[in-house]
Amino acid sequence: MAPYAIDPPLQLAGNPDVFIRSLDDAVAFLKECTNARRPMSQRSVLRRLEGANSPAEQKDAADAFRFWAEGEGLLIT
């Protein structure tokens, strides 16, 4: 299956700012994020991203990541 593109990309706060363009980017970010305010939610989103196979599951996983990032105060755009 083709990689799911997050369009438009999500810009997250960081030094430097981080751009999430795909589910793979989101997975990598979650695996490296060690200071989440809601770590159980972080793990849940990670499982959704890693298990997303169909286009609908991929979209739902991308939306879950977006909501998680917003809740963590990381979402810039």
Protein backbone atom coordinates (compact mmCIF):
# COMPACT_ATOMS: atom_id res chain seq x y z
CA MET A 1 0.00 0.00 0.00
CA ALA A 2 1.25 3.50 -0.83
CA PRO A 3 2.39 5.66 2.08
CA TYR A 4 -0.35 7.92 3.44
CA ALA A 5 0.50 11.58 2.90
CA ILE A 6 -0.65 14.09 5.49
CA ASP A 7 -1.72 17.07 3.41
CA PRO A 8 -1.17 19.76 4.38
CA PRO A 9 1.76 18.68 6.53
CA LEU A 10 1.50 19.30 10.26
CA GLN A 11 4.00 21.71 11.77
CA LEU A 12 4.91 20.88 15.35
CA ALA A 13 6.76 22.99 17.86
CA GLY A 14 10.34 21.98 18.34
CA ASN A 15 13.86 23.19 17.93
CA PRO A 16 13.86 23.29 14.98
CA ASP A 17 10.16 22.97 14.15
CA VAL A 18 9.12 19.51 13.00
CA PHE A 19 7.02 18.79 9.92
CA ILE A 20 4.89 15.64 9.83
CA ARG A 21 4.22 14.69 6.21
CA SER A 22 3.32 11.01 6.53
CA LEU A 23 2.23 8.34 8.96
CA ASP A 24 5.86 7.18 9.08
CA ASP A 25 6.88 10.68 10.21
CA ALA A 26 4.19 10.59 12.90
CA VAL A 27 5.34 7.16 14.12
CA ALA A 28 8.96 8.30 14.29
CA PHE A 29 7.96 11.44 16.20
CA LEU A 30 5.88 9.51 18.73
CA LYS A 31 8.67 7.00 19.33
CA GLU A 32 11.13 9.83 20.04
CA CYS A 33 8.75 11.92 22.17
CA THR A 34 9.63 11.27 25.81
CA ASN A 35 7.86 14.13 27.56
CA ALA A 36 4.21 13.71 26.56
CA ARG A 37 1.66 14.99 29.06
CA ARG A 38 -0.63 12.07 28.17
CA PRO A 39 1.64 9.06 27.57
CA MET A 40 -1.21 6.53 27.48
CA SER A 41 -2.88 8.53 24.72
CA GLN A 42 0.48 8.71 22.94
CA ARG A 43 0.83 4.92 23.01
CA SER A 44 -2.74 4.49 21.79
CA VAL A 45 -2.15 6.80 18.82
CA LEU A 46 1.11 5.00 18.05
CA ARG A 47 -0.71 1.64 17.93
CA ARG A 48 -3.35 3.14 15.60
CA LEU A 49 -0.68 4.51 13.29
CA GLU A 50 1.27 1.26 13.18
CA GLY A 51 -1.86 -0.83 12.61
CA ALA A 52 -3.50 1.34 9.96
CA ASN A 53 -3.85 -0.61 6.71
CA SER A 54 -6.84 0.61 4.75
CA PRO A 55 -7.15 4.20 3.50
CA ALA A 56 -9.93 4.83 6.04
CA GLU A 57 -7.79 3.50 8.92
CA GLN A 58 -4.86 5.61 7.74
CA LYS A 59 -6.99 8.76 7.66
CA ASP A 60 -8.39 8.01 11.11
CA ALA A 61 -4.88 7.39 12.47
CA ALA A 62 -3.63 10.66 10.95
CA ASP A 63 -6.58 12.49 12.53
CA ALA A 64 -5.84 10.84 15.89
CA PHE A 65 -2.23 12.02 15.67
CA ARG A 66 -3.38 15.55 14.81
CA PHE A 67 -5.74 15.62 17.82
CA TRP A 68 -3.02 14.22 20.10
CA ALA A 69 -0.50 16.85 18.92
CA GLU A 70 -3.05 19.60 19.43
CA GLY A 71 -3.86 18.34 22.93
CA GLU A 72 -0.15 18.30 23.76
CA GLY A 73 0.18 21.92 22.66
CA LEU A 74 2.56 20.95 19.84
CA LEU A 75 0.49 21.81 16.76
CA ILE A 76 1.50 25.05 15.07
CA THR A 77 -0.43 24.71 11.81
